[in-house]
Amino acid sequence: LLFPGSHDSFSYWVDEKSPVGPDQATAIKRLAKISLVKKIMKKWSVTQNLTFKEQLEGGIRYFDLRVSSKPGEIGQEIYFIHGLFGIKVWDGLMEINTFLEHHPKEVIFLDFNHFYAMDDSHHFFLINRIRSAFGSKLCSVECVEYVTLQYMWEKKHQVLIFYHYPLYREFPFLWPGNKMPAPWANTTNVHKLLQFLETTLEERSRYGTFHVSQAILTPRVKTIARHLIRGLKNTLVHRNLPMILNWVKAQKPGVMGVNIITSDFVELVDFAATVIALNDLLLEEDESAT
């Protein structure tokens, strides 16, 4: 199956009043003492407009998550982070779980792929939060090929958690990060991005893993310097999304096809609906086979 996902899924809200996150270079932290700098950072840190609930209602089923403790804060609370701190992870998990309670046949992927300022005690705290939030909805690690929708429905599972940190080995409901490869083009050029997406699809493992095609452009320092006030959406996303969507429309799901596609600002075009509709090609294949 082919699923739509969002890039930096939590970044619809970041806190300008919080300190700059530990994912940023020291030079940025120094600059951020000037109040205007955080306002500019926000324009480049926000990659989504919709809350988790709104993304879920719009069809998004894969969530790209980066998390951090707040250095200097008492306790082990964990927050989403992208340059600036977002909401508490617990609040996001609760919002997602409420949706799943109301939609018992929906299945989602939560990919915890970047951790900052976290030692093992922070990880245990976060993992216990995940277990408390979802309980029996969590799908234990299985052979990827066994995990069909039918399997998930029979087991009453709805959530697959991918955890890119060695502690995943201690918890049966944490899938290793290497089961969810997400190659990153790291370019501002849409033609290079599309070429990269094609190449990495050809290199996709035939068995044993999911696969994320990150259909996103990444600003360089000089991009931000040239377009400080305009921000990510107005500089890179608006202009290039139509071409990216055309690439999406030409894809096919299946063993060597696309599996999960992520985008920035998922509501700007019919991204989720376009991705979901491609699954009809699998039905056509089944019909022609029979």
C-alpha atoms as a PDB file:
ATOM      1  CA  LEU A   1       0.000   0.000   0.000  1.00  0.00           C
ATOM      2  CA  LEU A   2       0.931   3.615  -0.487  1.00  0.00           C
ATOM      3  CA  PHE A   3       0.543   6.061   2.410  1.00  0.00           C
ATOM      4  CA  PRO A   4       0.747   9.860   2.543  1.00  0.00           C
ATOM      5  CA  GLY A   5       3.010  11.336   5.225  1.00  0.00           C
ATOM      6  CA  SER A   6       4.086  14.738   6.489  1.00  0.00           C
ATOM      7  CA  HIS A   7       7.630  16.046   6.985  1.00  0.00           C
ATOM      8  CA  ASP A   8       8.392  17.476  10.466  1.00  0.00           C
ATOM      9  CA  SER A   9       4.781  16.600  11.175  1.00  0.00           C
ATOM     10  CA  PHE A  10       4.598  18.430  14.534  1.00  0.00           C
ATOM     11  CA  SER A  11       5.985  21.787  13.360  1.00  0.00           C
ATOM     12  CA  TYR A  12       2.610  23.517  12.934  1.00  0.00           C
ATOM     13  CA  TRP A  13       3.352  25.221  16.265  1.00  0.00           C
ATOM     14  CA  VAL A  14       6.759  26.267  17.572  1.00  0.00           C
ATOM     15  CA  ASP A  15       7.444  28.443  20.584  1.00  0.00           C
ATOM     16  CA  GLU A  16       9.248  31.706  19.804  1.00  0.00           C
ATOM     17  CA  LYS A  17       9.585  32.358  23.544  1.00  0.00           C
ATOM     18  CA  SER A  18      11.458  29.119  24.235  1.00  0.00           C
ATOM     19  CA  PRO A  19      15.229  28.847  23.986  1.00  0.00           C
ATOM     20  CA  VAL A  20      16.654  27.732  20.635  1.00  0.00           C
ATOM     21  CA  GLY A  21      16.750  23.938  20.478  1.00  0.00           C
ATOM     22  CA  PRO A  22      19.823  21.734  20.975  1.00  0.00           C
ATOM     23  CA  ASP A  23      19.471  20.703  17.312  1.00  0.00           C
ATOM     24  CA  GLN A  24      20.928  24.106  16.319  1.00  0.00           C
ATOM     25  CA  ALA A  25      24.529  25.275  15.974  1.00  0.00           C
ATOM     26  CA  THR A  26      26.110  27.446  18.695  1.00  0.00           C
ATOM     27  CA  ALA A  27      26.269  30.439  16.315  1.00  0.00           C
ATOM     28  CA  ILE A  28      22.474  30.296  15.818  1.00  0.00           C
ATOM     29  CA  LYS A  29      21.928  30.090  19.589  1.00  0.00           C
ATOM     30  CA  ARG A  30      24.004  33.256  20.026  1.00  0.00           C
ATOM     31  CA  LEU A  31      22.164  35.081  17.251  1.00  0.00           C
ATOM     32  CA  ALA A  32      18.803  34.068  18.700  1.00  0.00           C
ATOM     33  CA  LYS A  33      19.366  36.430  21.621  1.00  0.00           C
ATOM     34  CA  ILE A  34      18.157  39.093  19.154  1.00  0.00           C
ATOM     35  CA  SER A  35      14.351  38.797  19.295  1.00  0.00           C
ATOM     36  CA  LEU A  36      13.840  39.208  15.523  1.00  0.00           C
ATOM     37  CA  VAL A  37      16.026  36.140  14.860  1.00  0.00           C
ATOM     38  CA  LYS A  38      13.503  33.774  16.466  1.00  0.00           C
ATOM     39  CA  LYS A  39      10.703  35.251  14.365  1.00  0.00           C
ATOM     40  CA  ILE A  40      12.770  34.514  11.244  1.00  0.00           C
ATOM     41  CA  MET A  41      13.635  31.035  12.569  1.00  0.00           C
ATOM     42  CA  LYS A  42       9.934  30.321  12.943  1.00  0.00           C
ATOM     43  CA  LYS A  43       9.347  31.089   9.252  1.00  0.00           C
ATOM     44  CA  TRP A  44      11.902  28.417   8.356  1.00  0.00           C
ATOM     45  CA  SER A  45      11.113  25.911  11.153  1.00  0.00           C
ATOM     46  CA  VAL A  46       7.400  25.547  10.408  1.00  0.00           C
ATOM     47  CA  THR A  47       6.834  22.965   7.648  1.00  0.00           C
ATOM     48  CA  GLN A  48       3.150  22.211   8.327  1.00  0.00           C
ATOM     49  CA  ASN A  49       0.045  24.320   8.955  1.00  0.00           C
ATOM     50  CA  LEU A  50      -2.277  21.558  10.166  1.00  0.00           C
ATOM     51  CA  THR A  51      -2.452  20.015  13.662  1.00  0.00           C
ATOM     52  CA  PHE A  52      -2.097  16.244  14.085  1.00  0.00           C
ATOM     53  CA  LYS A  53      -5.899  15.915  14.194  1.00  0.00           C
ATOM     54  CA  GLU A  54      -6.303  17.965  11.000  1.00  0.00           C
ATOM     55  CA  GLN A  55      -3.561  16.006   9.238  1.00  0.00           C
ATOM     56  CA  LEU A  56      -5.191  12.710  10.233  1.00  0.00           C
ATOM     57  CA  GLU A  57      -8.601  13.931   9.058  1.00  0.00           C
ATOM     58  CA  GLY A  58      -6.960  14.955   5.774  1.00  0.00           C
ATOM     59  CA  GLY A  59      -5.582  11.427   5.209  1.00  0.00           C
ATOM     60  CA  ILE A  60      -1.980  11.679   6.522  1.00  0.00           C
ATOM     61  CA  ARG A  61      -0.908   8.361   8.079  1.00  0.00           C
ATOM     62  CA  TYR A  62       2.904   8.630   8.456  1.00  0.00           C
ATOM     63  CA  PHE A  63       4.391  11.147  10.901  1.00  0.00           C
ATOM     64  CA  ASP A  64       8.039  12.271  10.917  1.00  0.00           C
ATOM     65  CA  LEU A  65       8.954  13.093  14.544  1.00  0.00           C
ATOM     66  CA  ARG A  66      11.996  14.799  16.093  1.00  0.00           C
ATOM     67  CA  VAL A  67      12.108  15.146  19.853  1.00  0.00           C
ATOM     68  CA  SER A  68      14.190  16.702  22.630  1.00  0.00           C
ATOM     69  CA  SER A  69      14.358  17.386  26.328  1.00  0.00           C
ATOM     70  CA  LYS A  70      14.618  21.043  27.369  1.00  0.00           C
ATOM     71  CA  PRO A  71      18.129  21.495  28.780  1.00  0.00           C
ATOM     72  CA  GLY A  72      17.918  23.102  32.207  1.00  0.00           C
ATOM     73  CA  GLU A  73      14.293  22.087  32.788  1.00  0.00           C
ATOM     74  CA  ILE A  74      13.604  19.966  35.882  1.00  0.00           C
ATOM     75  CA  GLY A  75      12.105  16.560  35.118  1.00  0.00           C
ATOM     76  CA  GLN A  76      12.240  14.506  31.929  1.00  0.00           C
ATOM     77  CA  GLU A  77       9.501  16.054  29.802  1.00  0.00           C
ATOM     78  CA  ILE A  78      10.043  15.548  26.060  1.00  0.00           C
ATOM     79  CA  TYR A  79       9.028  18.044  23.356  1.00  0.00           C
ATOM     80  CA  PHE A  80       8.848  18.033  19.585  1.00  0.00           C
ATOM     81  CA  ILE A  81      11.612  20.161  18.061  1.00  0.00           C
ATOM     82  CA  HIS A  82      12.649  21.760  14.791  1.00  0.00           C
ATOM     83  CA  GLY A  83      14.962  24.681  15.525  1.00  0.00           C
ATOM     84  CA  LEU A  84      12.478  25.863  18.152  1.00  0.00           C
ATOM     85  CA  PHE A  85      10.536  23.752  20.654  1.00  0.00           C
ATOM     86  CA  GLY A  86       7.048  22.536  19.769  1.00  0.00           C
ATOM     87  CA  ILE A  87       4.318  21.014  21.942  1.00  0.00           C
ATOM     88  CA  LYS A  88       4.915  18.287  24.532  1.00  0.00           C
ATOM     89  CA  VAL A  89       5.131  14.869  22.868  1.00  0.00           C
ATOM     90  CA  TRP A  90       2.513  13.565  25.323  1.00  0.00           C
ATOM     91  CA  ASP A  91      -0.046  16.145  24.116  1.00  0.00           C
ATOM     92  CA  GLY A  92       0.572  15.113  20.501  1.00  0.00           C
ATOM     93  CA  LEU A  93       0.227  11.399  21.319  1.00  0.00           C
ATOM     94  CA  MET A  94      -3.070  12.071  23.102  1.00  0.00           C
ATOM     95  CA  GLU A  95      -4.405  13.990  20.099  1.00  0.00           C
ATOM     96  CA  ILE A  96      -3.457  11.114  17.787  1.00  0.00           C
ATOM     97  CA  ASN A  97      -4.931   8.491  20.129  1.00  0.00           C
ATOM     98  CA  THR A  98      -8.271  10.340  20.297  1.00  0.00           C
ATOM     99  CA  PHE A  99      -8.512  10.104  16.501  1.00  0.00           C
ATOM    100  CA  LEU A 100      -7.681   6.372  16.583  1.00  0.00           C
ATOM    101  CA  GLU A 101     -10.334   5.746  19.256  1.00  0.00           C
ATOM    102  CA  HIS A 102     -12.933   7.190  16.881  1.00  0.00           C
ATOM    103  CA  HIS A 103     -11.524   5.371  13.805  1.00  0.00           C
ATOM    104  CA  PRO A 104     -10.669   1.808  14.939  1.00  0.00           C
ATOM    105  CA  LYS A 105      -9.700   0.577  11.433  1.00  0.00           C
ATOM    106  CA  GLU A 106      -7.134   3.332  10.760  1.00  0.00           C
ATOM    107  CA  VAL A 107      -3.417   2.475  10.951  1.00  0.00           C
ATOM    108  CA  ILE A 108      -0.603   5.011  11.452  1.00  0.00           C
ATOM    109  CA  PHE A 109       3.200   5.084  11.429  1.00  0.00           C
ATOM    110  CA  LEU A 110       5.042   7.194  14.036  1.00  0.00           C
ATOM    111  CA  ASP A 111       8.715   7.561  13.112  1.00  0.00           C
ATOM    112  CA  PHE A 112      10.849   8.882  15.997  1.00  0.00           C
ATOM    113  CA  ASN A 113      14.020   9.504  13.987  1.00  0.00           C
ATOM    114  CA  HIS A 114      15.924  12.358  15.683  1.00  0.00           C
ATOM    115  CA  PHE A 115      16.628  12.709  19.416  1.00  0.00           C
ATOM    116  CA  TYR A 116      18.359  15.683  21.069  1.00  0.00           C
ATOM    117  CA  ALA A 117      19.629  16.267  24.620  1.00  0.00           C
ATOM    118  CA  MET A 118      18.318  12.852  25.707  1.00  0.00           C
ATOM    119  CA  ASP A 119      20.051  10.206  27.824  1.00  0.00           C
ATOM    120  CA  ASP A 120      18.659   6.727  28.506  1.00  0.00           C
ATOM    121  CA  SER A 121      16.439   7.976  31.355  1.00  0.00           C
ATOM    122  CA  HIS A 122      14.758  10.422  28.943  1.00  0.00           C
ATOM    123  CA  HIS A 123      14.257   7.578  26.462  1.00  0.00           C
ATOM    124  CA  PHE A 124      12.661   5.325  29.100  1.00  0.00           C
ATOM    125  CA  PHE A 125      10.365   8.216  30.059  1.00  0.00           C
ATOM    126  CA  LEU A 126       9.343   8.747  26.402  1.00  0.00           C
ATOM    127  CA  ILE A 127       8.895   5.016  25.692  1.00  0.00           C
ATOM    128  CA  ASN A 128       6.630   4.682  28.750  1.00  0.00           C
ATOM    129  CA  ARG A 129       4.618   7.669  27.476  1.00  0.00           C
ATOM    130  CA  ILE A 130       4.183   5.920  24.115  1.00  0.00           C
ATOM    131  CA  ARG A 131       3.046   2.722  25.852  1.00  0.00           C
ATOM    132  CA  SER A 132       0.642   4.654  28.123  1.00  0.00           C
ATOM    133  CA  ALA A 133      -0.845   6.538  25.155  1.00  0.00           C
ATOM    134  CA  PHE A 134      -1.549   3.593  22.857  1.00  0.00           C
ATOM    135  CA  GLY A 135      -1.477   0.381  24.951  1.00  0.00           C
ATOM    136  CA  SER A 136      -2.842  -2.588  23.008  1.00  0.00           C
ATOM    137  CA  LYS A 137      -3.026  -0.537  19.774  1.00  0.00           C
ATOM    138  CA  LEU A 138       0.762  -0.941  19.425  1.00  0.00           C
ATOM    139  CA  CYS A 139       1.883  -3.473  16.835  1.00  0.00           C
ATOM    140  CA  SER A 140       4.892  -5.557  17.919  1.00  0.00           C
ATOM    141  CA  VAL A 141       7.789  -6.067  15.519  1.00  0.00           C
ATOM    142  CA  GLU A 142       6.944  -8.611  12.847  1.00  0.00           C
ATOM    143  CA  CYS A 143       8.204  -9.598   9.433  1.00  0.00           C
ATOM    144  CA  VAL A 144       7.203  -6.519   7.393  1.00  0.00           C
ATOM    145  CA  GLU A 145       5.475  -8.651   4.761  1.00  0.00           C
ATOM    146  CA  TYR A 146       3.072 -10.076   7.388  1.00  0.00           C
ATOM    147  CA  VAL A 147       1.752  -6.641   8.337  1.00  0.00           C
ATOM    148  CA  THR A 148      -1.328  -6.340   6.159  1.00  0.00           C
ATOM    149  CA  LEU A 149      -4.391  -4.277   7.031  1.00  0.00           C
ATOM    150  CA  GLN A 150      -6.200  -7.578   7.659  1.00  0.00           C
ATOM    151  CA  TYR A 151      -3.494  -8.574  10.176  1.00  0.00           C
ATOM    152  CA  MET A 152      -3.769  -5.192  11.946  1.00  0.00           C
ATOM    153  CA  TRP A 153      -7.566  -5.389  12.120  1.00  0.00           C
ATOM    154  CA  GLU A 154      -7.568  -8.951  13.456  1.00  0.00           C
ATOM    155  CA  LYS A 155      -5.085  -8.025  16.199  1.00  0.00           C
ATOM    156  CA  LYS A 156      -6.826  -4.658  16.831  1.00  0.00           C
ATOM    157  CA  HIS A 157      -3.467  -2.926  16.294  1.00  0.00           C
ATOM    158  CA  GLN A 158      -3.357   0.609  14.898  1.00  0.00           C
ATOM    159  CA  VAL A 159       0.122   2.025  15.582  1.00  0.00           C
ATOM    160  CA  LEU A 160       3.599   1.121  14.348  1.00  0.00           C
ATOM    161  CA  ILE A 161       6.366   2.953  16.229  1.00  0.00           C
ATOM    162  CA  PHE A 162       9.810   3.294  14.615  1.00  0.00           C
ATOM    163  CA  TYR A 163      12.528   4.206  17.113  1.00  0.00           C
ATOM    164  CA  HIS A 164      15.994   5.162  15.868  1.00  0.00           C
ATOM    165  CA  TYR A 165      17.879   4.497  19.116  1.00  0.00           C
ATOM    166  CA  PRO A 166      19.410   1.227  20.461  1.00  0.00           C
ATOM    167  CA  LEU A 167      16.860   0.914  23.296  1.00  0.00           C
ATOM    168  CA  TYR A 168      14.311  -0.301  20.741  1.00  0.00           C
ATOM    169  CA  ARG A 169      15.777  -3.772  21.387  1.00  0.00           C
ATOM    170  CA  GLU A 170      14.270  -3.849  24.880  1.00  0.00           C
ATOM    171  CA  PHE A 171      10.655  -3.243  23.843  1.00  0.00           C
ATOM    172  CA  PRO A 172       8.743  -5.540  21.466  1.00  0.00           C
ATOM    173  CA  PHE A 173       6.530  -2.664  20.232  1.00  0.00           C
ATOM    174  CA  LEU A 174       9.462  -0.535  19.031  1.00  0.00           C
ATOM    175  CA  TRP A 175      10.456  -1.215  15.427  1.00  0.00           C
ATOM    176  CA  PRO A 176      14.116  -0.506  14.580  1.00  0.00           C
ATOM    177  CA  GLY A 177      14.796   2.613  12.536  1.00  0.00           C
ATOM    178  CA  ASN A 178      16.400   0.541   9.766  1.00  0.00           C
ATOM    179  CA  LYS A 179      12.932  -0.879   8.960  1.00  0.00           C
ATOM    180  CA  MET A 180      11.907   2.636   7.855  1.00  0.00           C
ATOM    181  CA  PRO A 181      14.673   4.013   5.581  1.00  0.00           C
ATOM    182  CA  ALA A 182      13.974   7.581   4.471  1.00  0.00           C
ATOM    183  CA  PRO A 183      16.725   8.750   2.101  1.00  0.00           C
ATOM    184  CA  TRP A 184      17.076  12.551   2.062  1.00  0.00           C
ATOM    185  CA  ALA A 185      17.934  14.522  -1.074  1.00  0.00           C
ATOM    186  CA  ASN A 186      19.121  17.645   0.830  1.00  0.00           C
ATOM    187  CA  THR A 187      18.681  19.963  -2.160  1.00  0.00           C
ATOM    188  CA  THR A 188      16.890  23.189  -3.092  1.00  0.00           C
ATOM    189  CA  ASN A 189      16.637  22.102  -6.741  1.00  0.00           C
ATOM    190  CA  VAL A 190      13.380  20.379  -7.677  1.00  0.00           C
ATOM    191  CA  HIS A 191      14.932  18.574 -10.691  1.00  0.00           C
ATOM    192  CA  LYS A 192      17.704  17.122  -8.491  1.00  0.00           C
ATOM    193  CA  LEU A 193      15.056  16.116  -5.936  1.00  0.00           C
ATOM    194  CA  LEU A 194      12.986  14.203  -8.493  1.00  0.00           C
ATOM    195  CA  GLN A 195      16.085  12.491  -9.891  1.00  0.00           C
ATOM    196  CA  PHE A 196      17.064  11.499  -6.320  1.00  0.00           C
ATOM    197  CA  LEU A 197      13.571  10.103  -5.628  1.00  0.00           C
ATOM    198  CA  GLU A 198      13.761   7.994  -8.791  1.00  0.00           C
ATOM    199  CA  THR A 199      17.249   6.670  -7.965  1.00  0.00           C
ATOM    200  CA  THR A 200      16.414   5.781  -4.346  1.00  0.00           C
ATOM    201  CA  LEU A 201      13.230   3.994  -5.433  1.00  0.00           C
ATOM    202  CA  GLU A 202      15.338   1.828  -7.742  1.00  0.00           C
ATOM    203  CA  GLU A 203      17.579   1.035  -4.757  1.00  0.00           C
ATOM    204  CA  ARG A 204      14.661   0.219  -2.464  1.00  0.00           C
ATOM    205  CA  SER A 205      15.017  -3.092  -0.641  1.00  0.00           C
ATOM    206  CA  ARG A 206      12.724  -5.696  -2.170  1.00  0.00           C
ATOM    207  CA  TYR A 207      11.807  -7.288   1.181  1.00  0.00           C
ATOM    208  CA  GLY A 208      11.915  -6.599   4.885  1.00  0.00           C
ATOM    209  CA  THR A 209      11.519  -2.825   5.149  1.00  0.00           C
ATOM    210  CA  PHE A 210       9.086  -0.018   4.581  1.00  0.00           C
ATOM    211  CA  HIS A 211      10.349   2.925   2.496  1.00  0.00           C
ATOM    212  CA  VAL A 212       9.881   6.703   2.681  1.00  0.00           C
ATOM    213  CA  SER A 213      10.197   8.954  -0.374  1.00  0.00           C
ATOM    214  CA  GLN A 214      10.870  12.421   1.059  1.00  0.00           C
ATOM    215  CA  ALA A 215       9.389  14.741  -1.581  1.00  0.00           C
ATOM    216  CA  ILE A 216      10.795  17.830   0.146  1.00  0.00           C
ATOM    217  CA  LEU A 217      13.247  20.608  -0.658  1.00  0.00           C
ATOM    218  CA  THR A 218      15.747  21.685   1.995  1.00  0.00           C
ATOM    219  CA  PRO A 219      16.924  25.306   2.309  1.00  0.00           C
ATOM    220  CA  ARG A 220      20.649  25.989   2.518  1.00  0.00           C
ATOM    221  CA  VAL A 221      22.113  28.763   4.685  1.00  0.00           C
ATOM    222  CA  LYS A 222      22.406  31.032   1.622  1.00  0.00           C
ATOM    223  CA  THR A 223      18.752  30.289   0.700  1.00  0.00           C
ATOM    224  CA  ILE A 224      17.664  31.513   4.127  1.00  0.00           C
ATOM    225  CA  ALA A 225      20.038  34.517   3.953  1.00  0.00           C
ATOM    226  CA  ARG A 226      18.621  35.602   0.580  1.00  0.00           C
ATOM    227  CA  HIS A 227      14.968  35.150   1.520  1.00  0.00           C
ATOM    228  CA  LEU A 228      15.029  35.805   5.271  1.00  0.00           C
ATOM    229  CA  ILE A 229      11.543  37.231   5.666  1.00  0.00           C
ATOM    230  CA  ARG A 230       9.768  35.112   3.053  1.00  0.00           C
ATOM    231  CA  GLY A 231      10.253  31.811   4.875  1.00  0.00           C
ATOM    232  CA  LEU A 232      10.227  28.219   3.639  1.00  0.00           C
ATOM    233  CA  LYS A 233       6.678  28.114   2.259  1.00  0.00           C
ATOM    234  CA  ASN A 234       6.983  31.222   0.093  1.00  0.00           C
ATOM    235  CA  THR A 235      10.561  30.563  -1.053  1.00  0.00           C
ATOM    236  CA  LEU A 236      10.657  26.847  -1.879  1.00  0.00           C
ATOM    237  CA  VAL A 237       7.348  25.094  -1.337  1.00  0.00           C
ATOM    238  CA  HIS A 238       4.665  27.092  -3.198  1.00  0.00           C
ATOM    239  CA  ARG A 239       6.693  27.329  -6.395  1.00  0.00           C
ATOM    240  CA  ASN A 240       7.764  23.683  -6.579  1.00  0.00           C
ATOM    241  CA  LEU A 241       4.822  21.729  -5.169  1.00  0.00           C
ATOM    242  CA  PRO A 242       2.986  21.426  -8.530  1.00  0.00           C
ATOM    243  CA  MET A 243       6.031  19.742 -10.121  1.00  0.00           C
ATOM    244  CA  ILE A 244       6.475  17.463  -7.112  1.00  0.00           C
ATOM    245  CA  LEU A 245       2.780  16.529  -7.284  1.00  0.00           C
ATOM    246  CA  ASN A 246       3.151  15.664 -10.972  1.00  0.00           C
ATOM    247  CA  TRP A 247       5.928  13.231 -10.009  1.00  0.00           C
ATOM    248  CA  VAL A 248       3.653  11.721  -7.336  1.00  0.00           C
ATOM    249  CA  LYS A 249       0.835  11.225  -9.870  1.00  0.00           C
ATOM    250  CA  ALA A 250       3.184   9.196 -12.106  1.00  0.00           C
ATOM    251  CA  GLN A 251       4.079   6.697  -9.332  1.00  0.00           C
ATOM    252  CA  LYS A 252       2.812   3.194  -8.641  1.00  0.00           C
ATOM    253  CA  PRO A 253       2.487   1.377  -5.331  1.00  0.00           C
ATOM    254  CA  GLY A 254       3.716  -2.201  -4.961  1.00  0.00           C
ATOM    255  CA  VAL A 255       6.862  -4.163  -4.145  1.00  0.00           C
ATOM    256  CA  MET A 256       9.311  -1.940  -6.039  1.00  0.00           C
ATOM    257  CA  GLY A 257       7.049   1.114  -6.156  1.00  0.00           C
ATOM    258  CA  VAL A 258       6.428   3.893  -3.699  1.00  0.00           C
ATOM    259  CA  ASN A 259       5.353   3.039  -0.140  1.00  0.00           C
ATOM    260  CA  ILE A 260       5.233   6.279   1.896  1.00  0.00           C
ATOM    261  CA  ILE A 261       5.581   9.784   0.430  1.00  0.00           C
ATOM    262  CA  THR A 262       6.124  12.807   2.677  1.00  0.00           C
ATOM    263  CA  SER A 263       5.623  16.475   1.872  1.00  0.00           C
ATOM    264  CA  ASP A 264       5.739  19.915   3.480  1.00  0.00           C
ATOM    265  CA  PHE A 265       2.484  21.862   3.936  1.00  0.00           C
ATOM    266  CA  VAL A 266       0.375  18.865   2.970  1.00  0.00           C
ATOM    267  CA  GLU A 267      -2.811  20.924   2.554  1.00  0.00           C
ATOM    268  CA  LEU A 268      -1.500  23.277  -0.163  1.00  0.00           C
ATOM    269  CA  VAL A 269      -2.364  20.838  -2.965  1.00  0.00           C
ATOM    270  CA  ASP A 270      -4.428  17.629  -3.061  1.00  0.00           C
ATOM    271  CA  PHE A 271      -1.382  15.765  -1.767  1.00  0.00           C
ATOM    272  CA  ALA A 272      -2.985  13.151   0.505  1.00  0.00           C
ATOM    273  CA  ALA A 273      -5.937  12.468  -1.818  1.00  0.00           C
ATOM    274  CA  THR A 274      -3.562  12.084  -4.797  1.00  0.00           C
ATOM    275  CA  VAL A 275      -1.342   9.607  -2.918  1.00  0.00           C
ATOM    276  CA  ILE A 276      -4.255   7.559  -1.556  1.00  0.00           C
ATOM    277  CA  ALA A 277      -5.931   7.355  -4.996  1.00  0.00           C
ATOM    278  CA  LEU A 278      -2.818   5.651  -6.434  1.00  0.00           C
ATOM    279  CA  ASN A 279      -3.755   2.554  -4.388  1.00  0.00           C
ATOM    280  CA  ASP A 280      -6.554   1.974  -6.923  1.00  0.00           C
ATOM    281  CA  LEU A 281      -3.786   0.788  -9.275  1.00  0.00           C
ATOM    282  CA  LEU A 282      -3.305  -2.222  -6.965  1.00  0.00           C
ATOM    283  CA  LEU A 283      -6.992  -3.100  -7.368  1.00  0.00           C
ATOM    284  CA  GLU A 284      -6.655  -2.853 -11.145  1.00  0.00           C
ATOM    285  CA  GLU A 285      -3.645  -5.205 -11.008  1.00  0.00           C
ATOM    286  CA  ASP A 286      -5.639  -7.697  -8.921  1.00  0.00           C
ATOM    287  CA  GLU A 287      -8.544  -7.588 -11.356  1.00  0.00           C
ATOM    288  CA  SER A 288      -6.326  -8.097 -14.389  1.00  0.00           C
ATOM    289  CA  ALA A 289      -4.565 -10.995 -12.608  1.00  0.00           C
ATOM    290  CA  THR A 290      -7.889 -12.742 -11.958  1.00  0.00           C
END
